Amino acid sequence: NANHPIVRRLIVDSLRYWVESMHVD
């Protein structure tokens, strides 16, 4: 349910993790 506010936060936090901590492009 990707457009629920909680799931939206989960998705964006995940993407930030892979960019900021794992350095993917």
PDB file of all heavy atoms in Angstrom:
ATOM      1  N   ASN A   1       0.856  -1.194   0.000  1.00  0.00           N
ATOM      2  CA  ASN A   1       0.000   0.000   0.000  1.00  0.00           C
ATOM      3  C   ASN A   1       0.890   1.242   0.000  1.00  0.00           C
ATOM      4  O   ASN A   1       0.999   1.978   0.981  1.00  0.00           O
ATOM      5  CB  ASN A   1      -0.909  -0.031   1.235  1.00  0.00           C
ATOM      6  CG  ASN A   1      -1.974   1.044   1.221  1.00  0.00           C
ATOM      7  OD1 ASN A   1      -2.239   1.652   0.181  1.00  0.00           O
ATOM      8  ND2 ASN A   1      -2.573   1.290   2.374  1.00  0.00           N
ATOM      9  N   ALA A   2       1.546   1.491  -1.127  1.00  0.00           N
ATOM     10  CA  ALA A   2       2.687   2.398  -1.177  1.00  0.00           C
ATOM     11  C   ALA A   2       2.350   3.854  -0.900  1.00  0.00           C
ATOM     12  O   ALA A   2       3.230   4.626  -0.513  1.00  0.00           O
ATOM     13  CB  ALA A   2       3.360   2.287  -2.548  1.00  0.00           C
ATOM     14  N   ASN A   3       1.089   4.271  -1.081  1.00  0.00           N
ATOM     15  CA  ASN A   3       0.760   5.680  -0.890  1.00  0.00           C
ATOM     16  C   ASN A   3       0.151   5.976   0.477  1.00  0.00           C
ATOM     17  O   ASN A   3      -0.285   7.107   0.730  1.00  0.00           O
ATOM     18  CB  ASN A   3      -0.160   6.165  -2.013  1.00  0.00           C
ATOM     19  CG  ASN A   3       0.631   6.464  -3.281  1.00  0.00           C
ATOM     20  OD1 ASN A   3       1.394   7.423  -3.334  1.00  0.00           O
ATOM     21  ND2 ASN A   3       0.479   5.608  -4.286  1.00  0.00           N
ATOM     22  N   HIS A   4       0.149   5.010   1.387  1.00  0.00           N
ATOM     23  CA  HIS A   4      -0.192   5.292   2.779  1.00  0.00           C
ATOM     24  C   HIS A   4       0.961   6.063   3.413  1.00  0.00           C
ATOM     25  O   HIS A   4       2.130   5.769   3.147  1.00  0.00           O
ATOM     26  CB  HIS A   4      -0.431   3.980   3.530  1.00  0.00           C
ATOM     27  CG  HIS A   4      -0.954   4.185   4.923  1.00  0.00           C
ATOM     28  ND1 HIS A   4      -0.171   4.619   5.960  1.00  0.00           N
ATOM     29  CD2 HIS A   4      -2.210   4.009   5.437  1.00  0.00           C
ATOM     30  CE1 HIS A   4      -0.898   4.715   7.060  1.00  0.00           C
ATOM     31  NE2 HIS A   4      -2.145   4.338   6.762  1.00  0.00           N
ATOM     32  N   PRO A   5       0.694   7.082   4.247  1.00  0.00           N
ATOM     33  CA  PRO A   5       1.783   7.888   4.811  1.00  0.00           C
ATOM     34  C   PRO A   5       2.881   7.085   5.500  1.00  0.00           C
ATOM     35  O   PRO A   5       4.071   7.418   5.376  1.00  0.00           O
ATOM     36  CB  PRO A   5       1.050   8.798   5.811  1.00  0.00           C
ATOM     37  CG  PRO A   5      -0.333   8.927   5.250  1.00  0.00           C
ATOM     38  CD  PRO A   5      -0.632   7.593   4.617  1.00  0.00           C
ATOM     39  N   ILE A   6       2.503   6.025   6.215  1.00  0.00           N
ATOM     40  CA  ILE A   6       3.513   5.216   6.919  1.00  0.00           C
ATOM     41  C   ILE A   6       4.386   4.463   5.915  1.00  0.00           C
ATOM     42  O   ILE A   6       5.610   4.393   6.061  1.00  0.00           O
ATOM     43  CB  ILE A   6       2.830   4.219   7.882  1.00  0.00           C
ATOM     44  CG1 ILE A   6       2.049   4.965   8.965  1.00  0.00           C
ATOM     45  CG2 ILE A   6       3.868   3.282   8.494  1.00  0.00           C
ATOM     46  CD1 ILE A   6       2.907   5.835   9.853  1.00  0.00           C
ATOM     47  N   VAL A   7       3.765   3.911   4.883  1.00  0.00           N
ATOM     48  CA  VAL A   7       4.520   3.149   3.892  1.00  0.00           C
ATOM     49  C   VAL A   7       5.373   4.090   3.042  1.00  0.00           C
ATOM     50  O   VAL A   7       6.497   3.750   2.657  1.00  0.00           O
ATOM     51  CB  VAL A   7       3.569   2.301   3.022  1.00  0.00           C
ATOM     52  CG1 VAL A   7       4.368   1.410   2.066  1.00  0.00           C
ATOM     53  CG2 VAL A   7       2.667   1.442   3.903  1.00  0.00           C
ATOM     54  N   ARG A   8       4.856   5.282   2.759  1.00  0.00           N
ATOM     55  CA  ARG A   8       5.660   6.282   2.054  1.00  0.00           C
ATOM     56  C   ARG A   8       6.931   6.582   2.821  1.00  0.00           C
ATOM     57  O   ARG A   8       8.023   6.654   2.246  1.00  0.00           O
ATOM     58  CB  ARG A   8       4.847   7.563   1.851  1.00  0.00           C
ATOM     59  CG  ARG A   8       3.772   7.468   0.790  1.00  0.00           C
ATOM     60  CD  ARG A   8       2.753   8.590   0.897  1.00  0.00           C
ATOM     61  NE  ARG A   8       3.383   9.915   0.898  1.00  0.00           N
ATOM     62  CZ  ARG A   8       2.711  11.032   1.205  1.00  0.00           C
ATOM     63  NH1 ARG A   8       1.427  10.978   1.538  1.00  0.00           N
ATOM     64  NH2 ARG A   8       3.323  12.203   1.166  1.00  0.00           N
ATOM     65  N   ARG A   9       6.810   6.758   4.134  1.00  0.00           N
ATOM     66  CA  ARG A   9       7.988   7.035   4.966  1.00  0.00           C
ATOM     67  C   ARG A   9       8.961   5.859   4.926  1.00  0.00           C
ATOM     68  O   ARG A   9      10.179   6.053   4.833  1.00  0.00           O
ATOM     69  CB  ARG A   9       7.544   7.313   6.403  1.00  0.00           C
ATOM     70  CG  ARG A   9       8.699   7.493   7.399  1.00  0.00           C
ATOM     71  CD  ARG A   9       9.456   8.781   7.167  1.00  0.00           C
ATOM     72  NE  ARG A   9       8.620   9.944   7.368  1.00  0.00           N
ATOM     73  CZ  ARG A   9       8.388  10.495   8.580  1.00  0.00           C
ATOM     74  NH1 ARG A   9       8.930   9.972   9.667  1.00  0.00           N
ATOM     75  NH2 ARG A   9       7.629  11.555   8.688  1.00  0.00           N
ATOM     76  N   LEU A  10       8.426   4.650   4.990  1.00  0.00           N
ATOM     77  CA  LEU A  10       9.275   3.457   4.931  1.00  0.00           C
ATOM     78  C   LEU A  10      10.080   3.426   3.635  1.00  0.00           C
ATOM     79  O   LEU A  10      11.295   3.180   3.636  1.00  0.00           O
ATOM     80  CB  LEU A  10       8.396   2.203   5.029  1.00  0.00           C
ATOM     81  CG  LEU A  10       9.097   0.865   4.761  1.00  0.00           C
ATOM     82  CD1 LEU A  10       9.988   0.493   5.934  1.00  0.00           C
ATOM     83  CD2 LEU A  10       8.070  -0.236   4.496  1.00  0.00           C
ATOM     84  N   ILE A  11       9.417   3.681   2.505  1.00  0.00           N
ATOM     85  CA  ILE A  11      10.080   3.610   1.210  1.00  0.00           C
ATOM     86  C   ILE A  11      11.163   4.675   1.092  1.00  0.00           C
ATOM     87  O   ILE A  11      12.302   4.392   0.692  1.00  0.00           O
ATOM     88  CB  ILE A  11       9.040   3.745   0.076  1.00  0.00           C
ATOM     89  CG1 ILE A  11       8.134   2.509   0.035  1.00  0.00           C
ATOM     90  CG2 ILE A  11       9.730   3.947  -1.274  1.00  0.00           C
ATOM     91  CD1 ILE A  11       6.952   2.633  -0.914  1.00  0.00           C
ATOM     92  N   VAL A  12      10.843   5.909   1.450  1.00  0.00           N
ATOM     93  CA  VAL A  12      11.827   6.989   1.336  1.00  0.00           C
ATOM     94  C   VAL A  12      12.997   6.747   2.282  1.00  0.00           C
ATOM     95  O   VAL A  12      14.161   6.964   1.919  1.00  0.00           O
ATOM     96  CB  VAL A  12      11.165   8.350   1.604  1.00  0.00           C
ATOM     97  CG1 VAL A  12      12.222   9.450   1.681  1.00  0.00           C
ATOM     98  CG2 VAL A  12      10.164   8.674   0.500  1.00  0.00           C
ATOM     99  N   ASP A  13      12.728   6.293   3.500  1.00  0.00           N
ATOM    100  CA  ASP A  13      13.817   6.000   4.439  1.00  0.00           C
ATOM    101  C   ASP A  13      14.722   4.894   3.904  1.00  0.00           C
ATOM    102  O   ASP A  13      15.949   4.944   4.072  1.00  0.00           O
ATOM    103  CB  ASP A  13      13.249   5.580   5.802  1.00  0.00           C
ATOM    104  CG  ASP A  13      12.743   6.770   6.606  1.00  0.00           C
ATOM    105  OD1 ASP A  13      12.976   7.920   6.185  1.00  0.00           O
ATOM    106  OD2 ASP A  13      12.110   6.545   7.666  1.00  0.00           O
ATOM    107  N   SER A  14      14.126   3.901   3.256  1.00  0.00           N
ATOM    108  CA  SER A  14      14.926   2.824   2.677  1.00  0.00           C
ATOM    109  C   SER A  14      15.834   3.362   1.575  1.00  0.00           C
ATOM    110  O   SER A  14      17.032   3.052   1.533  1.00  0.00           O
ATOM    111  CB  SER A  14      14.009   1.733   2.119  1.00  0.00           C
ATOM    112  OG  SER A  14      14.741   0.777   1.374  1.00  0.00           O
ATOM    113  N   LEU A  15      15.275   4.166   0.675  1.00  0.00           N
ATOM    114  CA  LEU A  15      16.075   4.724  -0.412  1.00  0.00           C
ATOM    115  C   LEU A  15      17.215   5.586   0.141  1.00  0.00           C
ATOM    116  O   LEU A  15      18.346   5.537  -0.360  1.00  0.00           O
ATOM    117  CB  LEU A  15      15.190   5.543  -1.349  1.00  0.00           C
ATOM    118  CG  LEU A  15      14.094   4.753  -2.086  1.00  0.00           C
ATOM    119  CD1 LEU A  15      13.198   5.712  -2.865  1.00  0.00           C
ATOM    120  CD2 LEU A  15      14.692   3.710  -3.018  1.00  0.00           C
ATOM    121  N   ARG A  16      16.914   6.396   1.169  1.00  0.00           N
ATOM    122  CA  ARG A  16      17.962   7.217   1.773  1.00  0.00           C
ATOM    123  C   ARG A  16      19.085   6.348   2.339  1.00  0.00           C
ATOM    124  O   ARG A  16      20.265   6.666   2.196  1.00  0.00           O
ATOM    125  CB  ARG A  16      17.368   8.055   2.902  1.00  0.00           C
ATOM    126  CG  ARG A  16      16.527   9.235   2.463  1.00  0.00           C
ATOM    127  CD  ARG A  16      15.912   9.884   3.677  1.00  0.00           C
ATOM    128  NE  ARG A  16      15.182  11.101   3.350  1.00  0.00           N
ATOM    129  CZ  ARG A  16      14.407  11.745   4.229  1.00  0.00           C
ATOM    130  NH1 ARG A  16      14.265  11.262   5.469  1.00  0.00           N
ATOM    131  NH2 ARG A  16      13.777  12.847   3.867  1.00  0.00           N
ATOM    132  N   TYR A  17      18.717   5.252   2.975  1.00  0.00           N
ATOM    133  CA  TYR A  17      19.720   4.351   3.550  1.00  0.00           C
ATOM    134  C   TYR A  17      20.664   3.816   2.480  1.00  0.00           C
ATOM    135  O   TYR A  17      21.888   3.839   2.642  1.00  0.00           O
ATOM    136  CB  TYR A  17      19.014   3.200   4.262  1.00  0.00           C
ATOM    137  CG  TYR A  17      19.940   2.054   4.635  1.00  0.00           C
ATOM    138  CD1 TYR A  17      20.822   2.173   5.703  1.00  0.00           C
ATOM    139  CD2 TYR A  17      19.927   0.860   3.914  1.00  0.00           C
ATOM    140  CE1 TYR A  17      21.669   1.130   6.054  1.00  0.00           C
ATOM    141  CE2 TYR A  17      20.767  -0.181   4.253  1.00  0.00           C
ATOM    142  CZ  TYR A  17      21.637  -0.044   5.318  1.00  0.00           C
ATOM    143  OH  TYR A  17      22.480  -1.081   5.651  1.00  0.00           O
ATOM    144  N   TRP A  18      20.101   3.371   1.358  1.00  0.00           N
ATOM    145  CA  TRP A  18      20.945   2.784   0.318  1.00  0.00           C
ATOM    146  C   TRP A  18      21.826   3.829  -0.361  1.00  0.00           C
ATOM    147  O   TRP A  18      22.923   3.521  -0.830  1.00  0.00           O
ATOM    148  CB  TRP A  18      20.079   2.058  -0.713  1.00  0.00           C
ATOM    149  CG  TRP A  18      19.485   0.796  -0.153  1.00  0.00           C
ATOM    150  CD1 TRP A  18      18.212   0.614   0.295  1.00  0.00           C
ATOM    151  CD2 TRP A  18      20.162  -0.440   0.061  1.00  0.00           C
ATOM    152  NE1 TRP A  18      18.046  -0.661   0.774  1.00  0.00           N
ATOM    153  CE2 TRP A  18      19.224  -1.340   0.633  1.00  0.00           C
ATOM    154  CE3 TRP A  18      21.446  -0.892  -0.171  1.00  0.00           C
ATOM    155  CZ2 TRP A  18      19.549  -2.646   0.973  1.00  0.00           C
ATOM    156  CZ3 TRP A  18      21.770  -2.203   0.153  1.00  0.00           C
ATOM    157  CH2 TRP A  18      20.835  -3.060   0.720  1.00  0.00           C
ATOM    158  N   VAL A  19      21.377   5.088  -0.374  1.00  0.00           N
ATOM    159  CA  VAL A  19      22.198   6.160  -0.951  1.00  0.00           C
ATOM    160  C   VAL A  19      23.242   6.648   0.050  1.00  0.00           C
ATOM    161  O   VAL A  19      24.434   6.759  -0.258  1.00  0.00           O
ATOM    162  CB  VAL A  19      21.314   7.328  -1.417  1.00  0.00           C
ATOM    163  CG1 VAL A  19      22.157   8.560  -1.760  1.00  0.00           C
ATOM    164  CG2 VAL A  19      20.496   6.915  -2.636  1.00  0.00           C
ATOM    165  N   GLU A  20      22.807   6.951   1.264  1.00  0.00           N
ATOM    166  CA  GLU A  20      23.692   7.600   2.235  1.00  0.00           C
ATOM    167  C   GLU A  20      24.643   6.624   2.925  1.00  0.00           C
ATOM    168  O   GLU A  20      25.801   6.959   3.188  1.00  0.00           O
ATOM    169  CB  GLU A  20      22.862   8.336   3.281  1.00  0.00           C
ATOM    170  CG  GLU A  20      22.045   9.478   2.694  1.00  0.00           C
ATOM    171  CD  GLU A  20      21.177  10.187   3.718  1.00  0.00           C
ATOM    172  OE1 GLU A  20      20.837   9.559   4.755  1.00  0.00           O
ATOM    173  OE2 GLU A  20      20.833  11.357   3.501  1.00  0.00           O
ATOM    174  N   SER A  21      24.186   5.415   3.205  1.00  0.00           N
ATOM    175  CA  SER A  21      25.019   4.457   3.931  1.00  0.00           C
ATOM    176  C   SER A  21      25.707   3.446   3.022  1.00  0.00           C
ATOM    177  O   SER A  21      26.805   2.987   3.329  1.00  0.00           O
ATOM    178  CB  SER A  21      24.171   3.698   4.971  1.00  0.00           C
ATOM    179  OG  SER A  21      23.647   4.582   5.933  1.00  0.00           O
ATOM    180  N   MET A  22      25.055   3.100   1.896  1.00  0.00           N
ATOM    181  CA  MET A  22      25.604   2.071   1.017  1.00  0.00           C
ATOM    182  C   MET A  22      26.135   2.639  -0.294  1.00  0.00           C
ATOM    183  O   MET A  22      26.743   1.936  -1.083  1.00  0.00           O
ATOM    184  CB  MET A  22      24.538   1.005   0.723  1.00  0.00           C
ATOM    185  CG  MET A  22      23.921   0.417   1.979  1.00  0.00           C
ATOM    186  SD  MET A  22      25.117  -0.411   3.040  1.00  0.00           S
ATOM    187  CE  MET A  22      24.976  -2.062   2.411  1.00  0.00           C
ATOM    188  N   HIS A  23      25.867   3.933  -0.550  1.00  0.00           N
ATOM    189  CA  HIS A  23      26.500   4.704  -1.629  1.00  0.00           C
ATOM    190  C   HIS A  23      26.114   4.250  -3.037  1.00  0.00           C
ATOM    191  O   HIS A  23      26.897   4.409  -3.979  1.00  0.00           O
ATOM    192  CB  HIS A  23      28.033   4.677  -1.472  1.00  0.00           C
ATOM    193  CG  HIS A  23      28.497   5.005  -0.097  1.00  0.00           C
ATOM    194  ND1 HIS A  23      28.254   6.234   0.496  1.00  0.00           N
ATOM    195  CD2 HIS A  23      29.168   4.264   0.823  1.00  0.00           C
ATOM    196  CE1 HIS A  23      28.771   6.227   1.715  1.00  0.00           C
ATOM    197  NE2 HIS A  23      29.315   5.055   1.945  1.00  0.00           N
ATOM    198  N   VAL A  24      24.891   3.701  -3.194  1.00  0.00           N
ATOM    199  CA  VAL A  24      24.460   3.359  -4.546  1.00  0.00           C
ATOM    200  C   VAL A  24      24.128   4.636  -5.303  1.00  0.00           C
ATOM    201  O   VAL A  24      23.897   5.704  -4.717  1.00  0.00           O
ATOM    202  CB  VAL A  24      23.252   2.399  -4.539  1.00  0.00           C
ATOM    203  CG1 VAL A  24      23.557   1.137  -3.754  1.00  0.00           C
ATOM    204  CG2 VAL A  24      21.999   3.076  -4.034  1.00  0.00           C
ATOM    205  N   ASP A  25      24.094   4.548  -6.622  1.00  0.00           N
ATOM    206  CA  ASP A  25      23.941   5.724  -7.477  1.00  0.00           C
ATOM    207  C   ASP A  25      22.523   5.927  -7.989  1.00  0.00           C
ATOM    208  O   ASP A  25      22.219   6.970  -8.568  1.00  0.00           O
ATOM    209  CB  ASP A  25      24.893   5.609  -8.669  1.00  0.00           C
ATOM    210  CG  ASP A  25      26.336   5.455  -8.220  1.00  0.00           C
ATOM    211  OD1 ASP A  25      26.942   6.467  -7.848  1.00  0.00           O
ATOM    212  OD2 ASP A  25      26.835   4.310  -8.210  1.00  0.00           O
TER     213      ASP A  25
END
